[in-house]
């Protein structure tokens, strides 16, 4: 029997709920990765910095609360269900990595862009990520999407099988996964808010759900 600190699941729920809501807002406010013209640079950099500060803290709060989703279902999770946690953790923490570039580096980089030719070069380097010159960066870029996709797949199925959270939440997780996969290749559509929405809903269930016992075994029976 694993004892949890009293109130931990409520804490996890609130961090997921707040982080998920911040993530949805941040993704909806996301304006793209590069400015189109020289005149756009001041407003673009300000928006990019503010948005990615919001998204960075959203991911941090989600990572803080994510263990609560799996601990709440722990007594009814198979081994494969637990694998969803490290996959989602890897995907979400790697998703944070591009944030510091926009928060810390963009104000410096674009401050030195004074003509359209330089802007084009900088935008091309950002959009292509210069992986041909720095191939080790692929170790961060490649696992990101598969981690989130496989993690959500396992979480959705595990939630349906465990029957601790409402069935619709497991179904919604799988629907969000389908939306994510379908929209990844369409650059004009931002499908990433659905990921944060799923975490916010799990958080709401933990935050406003029935008060749980401090032991994992007892929680499932509650």
N, C-alpha and C. Protein backbone atom coordinates (compact mmCIF):
# COMPACT_ATOMS: atom_id res chain seq x y z
N UNK A 1 0.85 -1.20 0.00
CA UNK A 1 0.00 0.00 0.00
C UNK A 1 0.88 1.25 0.00
N UNK A 2 0.62 2.18 -0.90
CA UNK A 2 1.39 3.40 -1.00
C UNK A 2 0.57 4.53 -0.39
N UNK A 3 1.15 5.19 0.61
CA UNK A 3 0.45 6.30 1.26
C UNK A 3 0.78 7.60 0.54
N UNK A 4 -0.25 8.39 0.29
CA UNK A 4 -0.06 9.70 -0.33
C UNK A 4 -0.32 10.77 0.71
N UNK A 5 0.39 11.89 0.63
CA UNK A 5 0.08 13.00 1.54
C UNK A 5 -1.37 13.43 1.39
N UNK A 6 -2.00 13.76 2.49
CA UNK A 6 -3.40 14.18 2.45
C UNK A 6 -3.54 15.43 1.56
N UNK A 7 -4.48 15.37 0.68
CA UNK A 7 -4.71 16.50 -0.20
C UNK A 7 -3.87 16.52 -1.46
N UNK A 8 -3.01 15.49 -1.63
CA UNK A 8 -2.14 15.52 -2.81
C UNK A 8 -2.94 15.50 -4.11
N UNK A 9 -3.96 14.64 -4.19
CA UNK A 9 -4.71 14.54 -5.43
C UNK A 9 -5.46 15.84 -5.73
N UNK A 10 -5.92 16.54 -4.70
CA UNK A 10 -6.54 17.84 -4.91
C UNK A 10 -5.51 18.82 -5.47
N UNK A 11 -4.32 18.80 -4.89
CA UNK A 11 -3.24 19.66 -5.37
C UNK A 11 -2.92 19.36 -6.83
N UNK A 12 -2.80 18.06 -7.15
CA UNK A 12 -2.52 17.66 -8.52
C UNK A 12 -3.64 18.13 -9.46
N UNK A 13 -4.88 18.01 -8.97
CA UNK A 13 -6.01 18.44 -9.78
C UNK A 13 -5.97 19.92 -10.10
N UNK A 14 -5.67 20.73 -9.10
CA UNK A 14 -5.64 22.17 -9.33
C UNK A 14 -4.48 22.57 -10.24
N UNK A 15 -3.32 21.93 -10.09
CA UNK A 15 -2.21 22.27 -10.98
C UNK A 15 -2.54 21.87 -12.43
N UNK A 16 -3.19 20.73 -12.60
CA UNK A 16 -3.60 20.32 -13.95
C UNK A 16 -4.65 21.26 -14.52
N UNK A 17 -5.61 21.62 -13.70
CA UNK A 17 -6.70 22.49 -14.16
C UNK A 17 -6.16 23.87 -14.56
N UNK A 18 -5.35 24.44 -13.69
CA UNK A 18 -4.79 25.77 -13.99
C UNK A 18 -3.81 25.70 -15.15
N UNK A 19 -2.92 24.70 -15.11
CA UNK A 19 -1.95 24.56 -16.20
C UNK A 19 -2.62 24.27 -17.53
N UNK A 20 -3.64 23.42 -17.51
CA UNK A 20 -4.36 23.12 -18.75
C UNK A 20 -5.06 24.33 -19.31
N UNK A 21 -5.71 25.12 -18.43
CA UNK A 21 -6.39 26.34 -18.88
C UNK A 21 -5.39 27.35 -19.44
N UNK A 22 -4.24 27.48 -18.78
CA UNK A 22 -3.20 28.38 -19.29
C UNK A 22 -2.69 27.90 -20.64
N UNK A 23 -2.56 26.58 -20.78
CA UNK A 23 -2.09 26.02 -22.05
C UNK A 23 -3.05 26.26 -23.19
N UNK A 24 -4.35 26.08 -22.91
CA UNK A 24 -5.36 26.35 -23.95
C UNK A 24 -5.29 27.80 -24.38
N UNK A 25 -5.22 28.72 -23.39
CA UNK A 25 -5.15 30.15 -23.71
C UNK A 25 -3.88 30.48 -24.50
N UNK A 26 -2.75 29.92 -24.04
CA UNK A 26 -1.49 30.20 -24.71
C UNK A 26 -1.45 29.70 -26.14
N UNK A 27 -2.00 28.50 -26.36
CA UNK A 27 -2.01 27.95 -27.71
C UNK A 27 -2.94 28.75 -28.63
N UNK A 28 -4.07 29.21 -28.10
CA UNK A 28 -4.99 30.00 -28.91
C UNK A 28 -4.40 31.36 -29.25
N UNK A 29 -3.54 31.89 -28.36
CA UNK A 29 -2.91 33.19 -28.61
C UNK A 29 -1.64 33.07 -29.45
N UNK A 30 -1.18 31.85 -29.66
CA UNK A 30 0.07 31.63 -30.40
C UNK A 30 -0.07 32.18 -31.81
N UNK A 31 0.88 33.02 -32.23
CA UNK A 31 0.76 33.72 -33.52
C UNK A 31 1.70 33.18 -34.59
N UNK A 32 2.41 32.10 -34.34
CA UNK A 32 3.36 31.59 -35.31
C UNK A 32 4.78 31.73 -34.79
N UNK A 33 5.73 31.22 -35.55
CA UNK A 33 7.11 31.17 -35.07
C UNK A 33 8.00 32.27 -35.62
N UNK A 34 7.55 32.98 -36.65
CA UNK A 34 8.37 34.03 -37.24
C UNK A 34 7.51 35.20 -37.71
N UNK A 35 8.07 36.43 -37.71
CA UNK A 35 7.34 37.59 -38.25
C UNK A 35 7.41 37.61 -39.77
N UNK A 36 6.37 38.12 -40.40
CA UNK A 36 6.33 38.14 -41.86
C UNK A 36 7.08 39.32 -42.45
N UNK A 37 7.05 40.48 -41.78
CA UNK A 37 7.70 41.68 -42.30
C UNK A 37 8.50 42.37 -41.20
N UNK A 38 9.33 43.34 -41.60
CA UNK A 38 10.10 44.11 -40.63
C UNK A 38 9.18 44.88 -39.69
N UNK A 39 8.08 45.40 -40.23
CA UNK A 39 7.15 46.17 -39.40
C UNK A 39 6.48 45.32 -38.33
N UNK A 40 6.41 44.00 -38.57
CA UNK A 40 5.75 43.10 -37.62
C UNK A 40 6.64 42.74 -36.43
N UNK A 41 7.94 42.99 -36.54
CA UNK A 41 8.88 42.47 -35.55
C UNK A 41 8.58 42.93 -34.12
N UNK A 42 8.38 44.23 -33.83
CA UNK A 42 8.16 44.63 -32.43
C UNK A 42 6.96 43.93 -31.78
N UNK A 43 5.82 43.94 -32.46
CA UNK A 43 4.62 43.30 -31.90
C UNK A 43 4.79 41.78 -31.84
N UNK A 44 5.46 41.20 -32.86
CA UNK A 44 5.67 39.76 -32.88
C UNK A 44 6.52 39.31 -31.69
N UNK A 45 7.63 39.99 -31.45
CA UNK A 45 8.54 39.59 -30.37
C UNK A 45 7.83 39.71 -29.01
N UNK A 46 7.09 40.79 -28.82
CA UNK A 46 6.36 40.96 -27.55
C UNK A 46 5.36 39.84 -27.35
N UNK A 47 4.59 39.52 -28.41
CA UNK A 47 3.60 38.45 -28.29
C UNK A 47 4.26 37.10 -28.09
N UNK A 48 5.36 36.85 -28.80
CA UNK A 48 6.06 35.56 -28.70
C UNK A 48 6.59 35.34 -27.28
N UNK A 49 7.19 36.38 -26.71
CA UNK A 49 7.74 36.26 -25.35
C UNK A 49 6.62 35.99 -24.34
N UNK A 50 5.57 36.82 -24.39
CA UNK A 50 4.48 36.68 -23.42
C UNK A 50 3.77 35.33 -23.55
N UNK A 51 3.50 34.92 -24.79
CA UNK A 51 2.81 33.65 -25.02
C UNK A 51 3.62 32.47 -24.51
N UNK A 52 4.92 32.49 -24.76
CA UNK A 52 5.73 31.32 -24.38
C UNK A 52 6.07 31.29 -22.89
N UNK A 53 6.04 32.45 -22.24
CA UNK A 53 6.11 32.43 -20.77
C UNK A 53 4.86 31.73 -20.22
N UNK A 54 3.70 32.07 -20.78
CA UNK A 54 2.45 31.44 -20.37
C UNK A 54 2.48 29.94 -20.63
N UNK A 55 2.95 29.54 -21.81
CA UNK A 55 2.98 28.12 -22.16
C UNK A 55 4.01 27.35 -21.32
N UNK A 56 5.13 27.99 -21.02
CA UNK A 56 6.15 27.32 -20.20
C UNK A 56 5.59 26.99 -18.82
N UNK A 57 4.92 27.96 -18.20
CA UNK A 57 4.34 27.70 -16.88
C UNK A 57 3.17 26.73 -16.96
N UNK A 58 2.45 26.76 -18.08
CA UNK A 58 1.36 25.79 -18.26
C UNK A 58 1.92 24.37 -18.24
N UNK A 59 3.00 24.15 -18.97
CA UNK A 59 3.59 22.81 -19.03
C UNK A 59 4.17 22.40 -17.68
N UNK A 60 4.77 23.34 -16.97
CA UNK A 60 5.33 23.04 -15.65
C UNK A 60 4.23 22.59 -14.69
N UNK A 61 3.12 23.31 -14.68
CA UNK A 61 2.01 22.94 -13.80
C UNK A 61 1.41 21.60 -14.20
N UNK A 62 1.30 21.34 -15.50
CA UNK A 62 0.78 20.05 -15.95
C UNK A 62 1.69 18.92 -15.52
N UNK A 63 3.00 19.12 -15.64
CA UNK A 63 3.95 18.08 -15.22
C UNK A 63 3.88 17.84 -13.71
N UNK A 64 3.64 18.90 -12.95
CA UNK A 64 3.50 18.74 -11.49
C UNK A 64 2.28 17.90 -11.14
N UNK A 65 1.19 18.09 -11.89
CA UNK A 65 -0.04 17.40 -11.56
C UNK A 65 -0.24 16.06 -12.24
N UNK A 66 0.51 15.80 -13.31
CA UNK A 66 0.28 14.60 -14.11
C UNK A 66 0.35 13.29 -13.30
N UNK A 67 1.28 13.14 -12.33
CA UNK A 67 1.29 11.88 -11.57
C UNK A 67 -0.05 11.58 -10.90
N UNK A 68 -0.80 12.61 -10.54
CA UNK A 68 -2.09 12.40 -9.88
C UNK A 68 -3.07 11.63 -10.74
N UNK A 69 -3.01 11.84 -12.06
CA UNK A 69 -3.92 11.11 -12.96
C UNK A 69 -3.69 9.61 -12.85
N UNK A 70 -2.43 9.23 -12.81
CA UNK A 70 -2.09 7.81 -12.80
C UNK A 70 -2.21 7.22 -11.39
N UNK A 71 -1.85 7.99 -10.37
CA UNK A 71 -1.99 7.49 -9.00
C UNK A 71 -3.45 7.28 -8.62
N UNK A 72 -4.32 8.13 -9.13
CA UNK A 72 -5.75 7.98 -8.83
C UNK A 72 -6.29 6.65 -9.37
N UNK A 73 -5.71 6.18 -10.47
CA UNK A 73 -6.18 4.94 -11.10
C UNK A 73 -5.26 3.76 -10.80
N UNK A 74 -4.27 3.94 -9.95
CA UNK A 74 -3.15 3.01 -9.85
C UNK A 74 -3.54 1.55 -9.61
N UNK A 75 -4.50 1.31 -8.73
CA UNK A 75 -4.83 -0.08 -8.40
C UNK A 75 -5.48 -0.81 -9.56
N UNK A 76 -5.95 -0.08 -10.56
CA UNK A 76 -6.60 -0.71 -11.70
C UNK A 76 -5.83 -0.52 -13.00
N UNK A 77 -4.64 -0.02 -12.91
CA UNK A 77 -3.82 0.16 -14.10
C UNK A 77 -2.93 -1.06 -14.32
N UNK A 78 -2.92 -1.55 -15.56
CA UNK A 78 -1.96 -2.58 -15.94
C UNK A 78 -0.60 -1.91 -16.18
N UNK A 79 0.42 -2.73 -16.34
CA UNK A 79 1.76 -2.18 -16.57
C UNK A 79 1.79 -1.27 -17.79
N UNK A 80 1.12 -1.69 -18.86
CA UNK A 80 1.12 -0.88 -20.07
C UNK A 80 0.46 0.47 -19.84
N UNK A 81 -0.49 0.53 -18.90
CA UNK A 81 -1.14 1.79 -18.59
C UNK A 81 -0.18 2.79 -17.96
N UNK A 82 0.72 2.29 -17.12
CA UNK A 82 1.71 3.16 -16.49
C UNK A 82 2.70 3.73 -17.50
N UNK A 83 2.92 3.02 -18.60
CA UNK A 83 3.88 3.49 -19.61
C UNK A 83 3.44 4.82 -20.20
N UNK A 84 2.14 5.08 -20.16
CA UNK A 84 1.65 6.36 -20.66
C UNK A 84 2.25 7.55 -19.92
N UNK A 85 2.57 7.36 -18.64
CA UNK A 85 3.11 8.49 -17.87
C UNK A 85 4.47 8.95 -18.37
N UNK A 86 5.49 8.07 -18.47
CA UNK A 86 6.78 8.56 -18.98
C UNK A 86 6.70 9.08 -20.41
N UNK A 87 5.85 8.48 -21.23
CA UNK A 87 5.71 8.96 -22.61
C UNK A 87 5.17 10.39 -22.63
N UNK A 88 4.11 10.64 -21.86
CA UNK A 88 3.55 11.98 -21.80
C UNK A 88 4.53 12.96 -21.14
N UNK A 89 5.23 12.50 -20.13
CA UNK A 89 6.20 13.37 -19.45
C UNK A 89 7.28 13.81 -20.43
N UNK A 90 7.82 12.84 -21.19
CA UNK A 90 8.86 13.17 -22.17
C UNK A 90 8.32 14.16 -23.22
N UNK A 91 7.14 13.87 -23.75
CA UNK A 91 6.57 14.74 -24.76
C UNK A 91 6.33 16.15 -24.26
N UNK A 92 5.77 16.28 -23.04
CA UNK A 92 5.43 17.60 -22.52
C UNK A 92 6.67 18.38 -22.10
N UNK A 93 7.68 17.71 -21.56
CA UNK A 93 8.87 18.45 -21.13
C UNK A 93 9.71 18.87 -22.33
N UNK A 94 9.72 18.07 -23.39
CA UNK A 94 10.43 18.47 -24.59
C UNK A 94 9.68 19.61 -25.29
N UNK A 95 8.36 19.65 -25.12
CA UNK A 95 7.57 20.73 -25.72
C UNK A 95 7.95 22.08 -25.12
N UNK A 96 8.45 22.07 -23.88
CA UNK A 96 8.86 23.32 -23.23
C UNK A 96 10.14 23.87 -23.86
N UNK A 97 10.97 22.99 -24.43
CA UNK A 97 12.32 23.37 -24.80
C UNK A 97 12.39 24.54 -25.79
N UNK A 98 11.42 24.63 -26.71
CA UNK A 98 11.51 25.72 -27.67
C UNK A 98 11.09 27.06 -27.06
N UNK A 99 10.45 27.01 -25.90
CA UNK A 99 10.01 28.23 -25.25
C UNK A 99 11.14 29.20 -24.90
N UNK A 100 12.19 28.72 -24.23
CA UNK A 100 13.28 29.63 -23.88
C UNK A 100 13.91 30.32 -25.08
N UNK A 101 13.89 29.68 -26.25
CA UNK A 101 14.42 30.32 -27.45
C UNK A 101 13.62 31.58 -27.75
N UNK A 102 12.29 31.47 -27.71
CA UNK A 102 11.45 32.62 -28.02
C UNK A 102 11.44 33.63 -26.88
N UNK A 103 11.54 33.16 -25.64
CA UNK A 103 11.51 34.06 -24.50
C UNK A 103 12.82 34.84 -24.36
N UNK A 104 13.94 34.16 -24.48
CA UNK A 104 15.24 34.77 -24.22
C UNK A 104 16.00 35.19 -25.47
N UNK A 105 15.88 34.38 -26.53
CA UNK A 105 16.71 34.65 -27.71
C UNK A 105 16.05 35.56 -28.73
N UNK A 106 14.73 35.46 -28.90
CA UNK A 106 14.07 36.28 -29.93
C UNK A 106 14.31 37.78 -29.77
N UNK A 107 14.20 38.33 -28.55
CA UNK A 107 14.46 39.77 -28.42
C UNK A 107 15.86 40.17 -28.87
N UNK A 108 16.83 39.28 -28.68
CA UNK A 108 18.21 39.57 -29.10
C UNK A 108 18.36 39.38 -30.60
N UNK A 109 17.86 38.25 -31.12
CA UNK A 109 18.01 37.94 -32.54
C UNK A 109 17.35 38.99 -33.41
N UNK A 110 16.09 39.28 -33.14
CA UNK A 110 15.35 40.18 -34.04
C UNK A 110 15.69 41.64 -33.83
N UNK A 111 16.39 41.97 -32.74
CA UNK A 111 16.84 43.34 -32.55
C UNK A 111 17.89 43.73 -33.58
N UNK A 112 18.57 42.72 -34.13
CA UNK A 112 19.64 42.97 -35.11
C UNK A 112 19.16 42.80 -36.55
N UNK A 113 17.89 42.53 -36.75
CA UNK A 113 17.35 42.38 -38.10
C UNK A 113 16.89 43.75 -38.59
N UNK A 114 17.57 44.26 -39.61
CA UNK A 114 17.29 45.62 -40.08
C UNK A 114 16.85 45.68 -41.54
N UNK A 115 16.86 44.55 -42.24
CA UNK A 115 16.44 44.56 -43.64
C UNK A 115 15.74 43.25 -43.96
N UNK A 116 15.03 43.24 -45.10
CA UNK A 116 14.20 42.10 -45.48
C UNK A 116 15.03 40.86 -45.78
N UNK A 117 16.22 41.04 -46.34
CA UNK A 117 17.07 39.89 -46.66
C UNK A 117 17.52 39.17 -45.40
N UNK A 118 17.93 39.96 -44.40
CA UNK A 118 18.34 39.36 -43.12
C UNK A 118 17.16 38.66 -42.45
N UNK A 119 15.99 39.29 -42.51
CA UNK A 119 14.79 38.68 -41.93
C UNK A 119 14.50 37.33 -42.57
N UNK A 120 14.63 37.26 -43.89
CA UNK A 120 14.38 35.99 -44.58
C UNK A 120 15.36 34.91 -44.13
N UNK A 121 16.64 35.28 -44.01
CA UNK A 121 17.65 34.31 -43.57
C UNK A 121 17.33 33.81 -42.16
N UNK A 122 17.02 34.74 -41.26
CA UNK A 122 16.72 34.37 -39.87
C UNK A 122 15.47 33.50 -39.81
N UNK A 123 14.43 33.88 -40.53
CA UNK A 123 13.19 33.09 -40.54
C UNK A 123 13.42 31.69 -41.07
N UNK A 124 14.22 31.58 -42.14
CA UNK A 124 14.53 30.26 -42.70
C UNK A 124 15.28 29.40 -41.69
N UNK A 125 16.22 29.99 -40.98
CA UNK A 125 16.98 29.25 -39.97
C UNK A 125 16.08 28.78 -38.83
N UNK A 126 15.16 29.63 -38.42
CA UNK A 126 14.23 29.26 -37.34
C UNK A 126 13.27 28.18 -37.80
N UNK A 127 12.71 28.33 -38.99
CA UNK A 127 11.72 27.37 -39.48
C UNK A 127 12.34 26.02 -39.79
N UNK A 128 13.58 26.01 -40.24
CA UNK A 128 14.24 24.74 -40.57
C UNK A 128 15.06 24.19 -39.42
N UNK A 129 15.24 25.02 -38.37
CA UNK A 129 15.91 24.61 -37.13
C UNK A 129 17.36 24.18 -37.32
N UNK A 130 17.89 24.34 -38.53
CA UNK A 130 19.31 24.07 -38.82
C UNK A 130 19.72 22.67 -38.36
N UNK A 131 18.81 21.72 -38.51
CA UNK A 131 19.12 20.36 -38.08
C UNK A 131 20.21 19.71 -38.94
N UNK A 132 20.41 20.22 -40.17
CA UNK A 132 21.47 19.68 -41.01
C UNK A 132 22.85 20.01 -40.43
N UNK A 133 22.97 21.14 -39.76
CA UNK A 133 24.24 21.53 -39.16
C UNK A 133 24.38 21.02 -37.73
N UNK A 134 23.25 20.85 -37.06
CA UNK A 134 23.28 20.39 -35.66
C UNK A 134 22.33 19.21 -35.50
N UNK A 135 22.70 18.06 -36.05
CA UNK A 135 21.78 16.90 -36.05
C UNK A 135 21.42 16.38 -34.67
N UNK A 136 22.23 16.68 -33.66
CA UNK A 136 21.92 16.19 -32.32
C UNK A 136 20.63 16.82 -31.79
N UNK A 137 20.24 17.96 -32.34
CA UNK A 137 18.99 18.60 -31.92
C UNK A 137 17.78 17.72 -32.21
N UNK A 138 17.95 16.77 -33.15
CA UNK A 138 16.85 15.85 -33.46
C UNK A 138 16.52 14.95 -32.28
N UNK A 139 17.47 14.78 -31.36
CA UNK A 139 17.22 13.97 -30.17
C UNK A 139 16.16 14.61 -29.27
N UNK A 140 15.97 15.93 -29.43
CA UNK A 140 14.92 16.64 -28.70
C UNK A 140 13.66 16.73 -29.54
N UNK A 141 13.81 16.96 -30.85
CA UNK A 141 12.67 17.20 -31.72
C UNK A 141 11.89 15.92 -32.05
N UNK A 142 12.59 14.83 -32.30
CA UNK A 142 11.93 13.61 -32.77
C UNK A 142 11.02 12.97 -31.72
N UNK A 143 11.43 12.83 -30.44
CA UNK A 143 10.55 12.13 -29.47
C UNK A 143 9.33 12.93 -29.04
N UNK A 144 9.28 14.22 -29.34
CA UNK A 144 8.24 15.10 -28.80
C UNK A 144 6.84 14.63 -29.19
N UNK A 145 6.55 14.61 -30.47
CA UNK A 145 5.21 14.26 -30.94
C UNK A 145 4.88 12.78 -30.67
N UNK A 146 5.78 11.83 -30.99
CA UNK A 146 5.45 10.43 -30.66
C UNK A 146 5.18 10.21 -29.17
N UNK A 147 5.92 10.91 -28.31
CA UNK A 147 5.69 10.76 -26.87
C UNK A 147 4.29 11.19 -26.48
N UNK A 148 3.85 12.34 -26.99
CA UNK A 148 2.51 12.83 -26.67
C UNK A 148 1.44 11.93 -27.28
N UNK A 149 1.63 11.53 -28.54
CA UNK A 149 0.63 10.71 -29.22
C UNK A 149 0.47 9.35 -28.54
N UNK A 150 1.58 8.65 -28.31
CA UNK A 150 1.50 7.32 -27.69
C UNK A 150 1.05 7.43 -26.23
N UNK A 151 1.49 8.49 -25.55
CA UNK A 151 1.07 8.68 -24.17
C UNK A 151 -0.42 8.91 -24.05
N UNK A 152 -0.98 9.73 -24.93
CA UNK A 152 -2.42 9.98 -24.90
C UNK A 152 -3.20 8.73 -25.28
N UNK A 153 -2.68 7.96 -26.23
CA UNK A 153 -3.33 6.71 -26.61
C UNK A 153 -3.44 5.76 -25.42
N UNK A 154 -2.33 5.56 -24.72
CA UNK A 154 -2.34 4.66 -23.56
C UNK A 154 -3.19 5.22 -22.43
N UNK A 155 -3.13 6.53 -22.23
CA UNK A 155 -3.92 7.15 -21.17
C UNK A 155 -5.42 6.99 -21.46
N UNK A 156 -5.82 7.23 -22.69
CA UNK A 156 -7.23 7.10 -23.04
C UNK A 156 -7.75 5.69 -22.84
N UNK A 157 -7.00 4.71 -23.34
CA UNK A 157 -7.41 3.31 -23.20
C UNK A 157 -7.40 2.89 -21.73
N UNK A 158 -6.34 3.28 -21.01
CA UNK A 158 -6.23 2.91 -19.60
C UNK A 158 -7.37 3.51 -18.78
N UNK A 159 -7.75 4.74 -19.10
CA UNK A 159 -8.85 5.39 -18.38
C UNK A 159 -10.16 4.65 -18.63
N UNK A 160 -10.39 4.23 -19.86
CA UNK A 160 -11.59 3.45 -20.16
C UNK A 160 -11.59 2.12 -19.43
N UNK A 161 -10.43 1.47 -19.37
CA UNK A 161 -10.34 0.15 -18.74
C UNK A 161 -10.42 0.23 -17.23
N UNK A 162 -9.80 1.26 -16.63
CA UNK A 162 -9.76 1.36 -15.17
C UNK A 162 -11.11 1.74 -14.57
N UNK A 163 -11.90 2.53 -15.29
CA UNK A 163 -13.24 2.94 -14.84
C UNK A 163 -13.21 3.67 -13.50
N UNK A 164 -12.19 4.47 -13.30
CA UNK A 164 -12.11 5.32 -12.12
C UNK A 164 -12.62 6.71 -12.46
N UNK A 165 -12.11 7.29 -13.53
CA UNK A 165 -12.64 8.54 -14.06
C UNK A 165 -13.86 8.22 -14.94
N UNK A 166 -14.70 9.23 -15.21
CA UNK A 166 -15.86 8.99 -16.08
C UNK A 166 -15.42 8.46 -17.45
N UNK A 167 -16.24 7.60 -18.01
CA UNK A 167 -15.93 6.99 -19.31
C UNK A 167 -15.73 8.04 -20.40
N UNK A 168 -16.52 9.12 -20.35
CA UNK A 168 -16.43 10.13 -21.40
C UNK A 168 -15.07 10.79 -21.43
N UNK A 169 -14.37 10.82 -20.29
CA UNK A 169 -13.05 11.44 -20.25
C UNK A 169 -12.03 10.60 -21.02
N UNK A 170 -12.14 9.28 -20.91
CA UNK A 170 -11.28 8.41 -21.71
C UNK A 170 -11.58 8.53 -23.19
N UNK A 171 -12.88 8.60 -23.53
CA UNK A 171 -13.28 8.76 -24.93
C UNK A 171 -12.77 10.08 -25.47
N UNK A 172 -12.91 11.15 -24.68
CA UNK A 172 -12.47 12.47 -25.11
C UNK A 172 -10.95 12.50 -25.34
N UNK A 173 -10.21 11.79 -24.51
CA UNK A 173 -8.75 11.72 -24.68
C UNK A 173 -8.41 11.11 -26.03
N UNK A 174 -9.12 10.06 -26.41
CA UNK A 174 -8.88 9.41 -27.70
C UNK A 174 -9.35 10.29 -28.86
N UNK A 175 -10.45 11.00 -28.67
CA UNK A 175 -10.93 11.92 -29.71
C UNK A 175 -9.91 13.05 -29.91
N UNK A 176 -9.39 13.57 -28.81
CA UNK A 176 -8.36 14.62 -28.89
C UNK A 176 -7.13 14.10 -29.62
N UNK A 177 -6.80 12.84 -29.40
CA UNK A 177 -5.66 12.23 -30.09
C UNK A 177 -5.90 12.19 -31.60
N UNK A 178 -7.10 11.81 -32.00
CA UNK A 178 -7.44 11.77 -33.43
C UNK A 178 -7.34 13.17 -34.04
N UNK A 179 -7.85 14.18 -33.32
CA UNK A 179 -7.77 15.56 -33.79
C UNK A 179 -6.31 15.99 -33.92
N UNK A 180 -5.50 15.62 -32.94
CA UNK A 180 -4.08 15.97 -32.96
C UNK A 180 -3.38 15.37 -34.17
N UNK A 181 -3.59 14.07 -34.38
CA UNK A 181 -2.94 13.40 -35.51
C UNK A 181 -3.42 13.99 -36.84
N UNK A 182 -4.72 14.23 -36.93
CA UNK A 182 -5.27 14.76 -38.18
C UNK A 182 -4.82 16.17 -38.49
N UNK A 183 -4.52 16.95 -37.46
CA UNK A 183 -4.17 18.34 -37.69
C UNK A 183 -2.70 18.67 -37.72
N UNK A 184 -1.84 17.70 -37.37
CA UNK A 184 -0.41 17.97 -37.30
C UNK A 184 0.14 18.45 -38.65
N UNK A 185 -0.32 17.84 -39.73
CA UNK A 185 0.22 18.18 -41.04
C UNK A 185 -0.38 19.44 -41.64
N UNK A 186 -1.35 20.05 -40.97
CA UNK A 186 -2.00 21.26 -41.50
C UNK A 186 -1.47 22.46 -40.72
N UNK A 187 -0.56 23.21 -41.31
CA UNK A 187 0.11 24.29 -40.61
C UNK A 187 -0.83 25.43 -40.25
N UNK A 188 -1.93 25.57 -40.97
CA UNK A 188 -2.85 26.68 -40.71
C UNK A 188 -3.80 26.39 -39.54
N UNK A 189 -3.76 25.17 -39.02
CA UNK A 189 -4.65 24.79 -37.91
C UNK A 189 -3.81 24.45 -36.68
N UNK A 190 -4.10 25.10 -35.56
CA UNK A 190 -3.41 24.81 -34.32
C UNK A 190 -4.26 23.83 -33.50
N UNK A 191 -3.82 22.57 -33.46
CA UNK A 191 -4.60 21.55 -32.76
C UNK A 191 -4.09 21.29 -31.34
N UNK A 192 -3.01 21.96 -30.96
CA UNK A 192 -2.41 21.67 -29.66
C UNK A 192 -3.24 22.10 -28.46
N UNK A 193 -4.20 23.04 -28.60
CA UNK A 193 -5.05 23.33 -27.42
C UNK A 193 -5.80 22.10 -26.90
N UNK A 194 -6.08 21.12 -27.77
CA UNK A 194 -6.85 19.95 -27.30
C UNK A 194 -6.06 19.14 -26.28
N UNK A 195 -4.74 19.13 -26.39
CA UNK A 195 -3.92 18.41 -25.41
C UNK A 195 -4.09 19.03 -24.03
N UNK A 196 -3.97 20.35 -23.97
CA UNK A 196 -4.10 21.04 -22.69
C UNK A 196 -5.52 20.95 -22.15
N UNK A 197 -6.50 20.92 -23.05
CA UNK A 197 -7.89 20.77 -22.60
C UNK A 197 -8.09 19.43 -21.89
N UNK A 198 -7.51 18.37 -22.42
CA UNK A 198 -7.62 17.05 -21.79
C UNK A 198 -7.05 17.08 -20.38
N UNK A 199 -5.87 17.68 -20.21
CA UNK A 199 -5.27 17.75 -18.88
C UNK A 199 -6.12 18.60 -17.94
N UNK A 200 -6.69 19.68 -18.45
CA UNK A 200 -7.54 20.54 -17.61
C UNK A 200 -8.75 19.77 -17.11
N UNK A 201 -9.33 18.93 -17.97
CA UNK A 201 -10.51 18.16 -17.57
C UNK A 201 -10.16 17.08 -16.55
N UNK A 202 -9.04 16.41 -16.74
CA UNK A 202 -8.58 15.46 -15.71
C UNK A 202 -8.37 16.21 -14.39
N UNK A 203 -7.77 17.40 -14.48
CA UNK A 203 -7.55 18.19 -13.28
C UNK A 203 -8.84 18.57 -12.59
N UNK A 204 -9.85 18.93 -13.37
CA UNK A 204 -11.14 19.27 -12.78
C UNK A 204 -11.74 18.10 -12.03
N UNK A 205 -11.60 16.90 -12.58
CA UNK A 205 -12.13 15.71 -11.92
C UNK A 205 -11.42 15.46 -10.59
N UNK A 206 -10.12 15.70 -10.56
CA UNK A 206 -9.37 15.50 -9.32
C UNK A 206 -9.65 16.62 -8.32
N UNK A 207 -9.73 17.85 -8.81
CA UNK A 207 -9.90 18.99 -7.91
C UNK A 207 -11.28 19.04 -7.28
N UNK A 208 -12.31 18.70 -8.05
CA UNK A 208 -13.68 18.83 -7.57
C UNK A 208 -14.34 17.49 -7.26
N UNK A 209 -13.57 16.41 -7.43
CA UNK A 209 -14.11 15.09 -7.15
C UNK A 209 -14.25 14.82 -5.67
N UNK A 210 -14.81 13.68 -5.37
CA UNK A 210 -15.01 13.26 -3.98
C UNK A 210 -13.68 13.18 -3.27
N UNK A 211 -13.62 13.62 -2.03
CA UNK A 211 -12.39 13.57 -1.24
C UNK A 211 -11.91 12.13 -1.13
N UNK A 212 -10.63 11.95 -1.41
CA UNK A 212 -10.07 10.59 -1.47
C UNK A 212 -9.27 10.24 -0.22
N UNK A 213 -9.14 8.95 0.01
CA UNK A 213 -8.29 8.44 1.08
C UNK A 213 -6.83 8.68 0.73
N UNK A 214 -5.96 8.58 1.73
CA UNK A 214 -4.54 8.86 1.50
C UNK A 214 -3.79 7.65 0.99
N UNK A 215 -4.43 6.51 0.87
CA UNK A 215 -3.75 5.32 0.34
C UNK A 215 -4.24 5.03 -1.06
N UNK A 216 -3.34 4.61 -1.92
CA UNK A 216 -3.70 4.36 -3.31
C UNK A 216 -4.72 3.26 -3.42
N UNK A 217 -4.60 2.20 -2.63
CA UNK A 217 -5.52 1.07 -2.70
C UNK A 217 -6.94 1.50 -2.35
N UNK A 218 -7.06 2.34 -1.33
CA UNK A 218 -8.39 2.77 -0.87
C UNK A 218 -9.03 3.74 -1.85
N UNK A 219 -8.22 4.49 -2.56
CA UNK A 219 -8.78 5.49 -3.47
C UNK A 219 -9.61 4.86 -4.56
N UNK A 220 -9.14 3.74 -5.08
CA UNK A 220 -9.84 3.13 -6.20
C UNK A 220 -11.20 2.61 -5.79
N UNK A 221 -11.33 2.20 -4.56
CA UNK A 221 -12.58 1.67 -4.06
C UNK A 221 -13.57 2.79 -3.70
N UNK A 222 -13.06 4.04 -3.64
CA UNK A 222 -13.92 5.15 -3.21
C UNK A 222 -14.98 5.47 -4.26
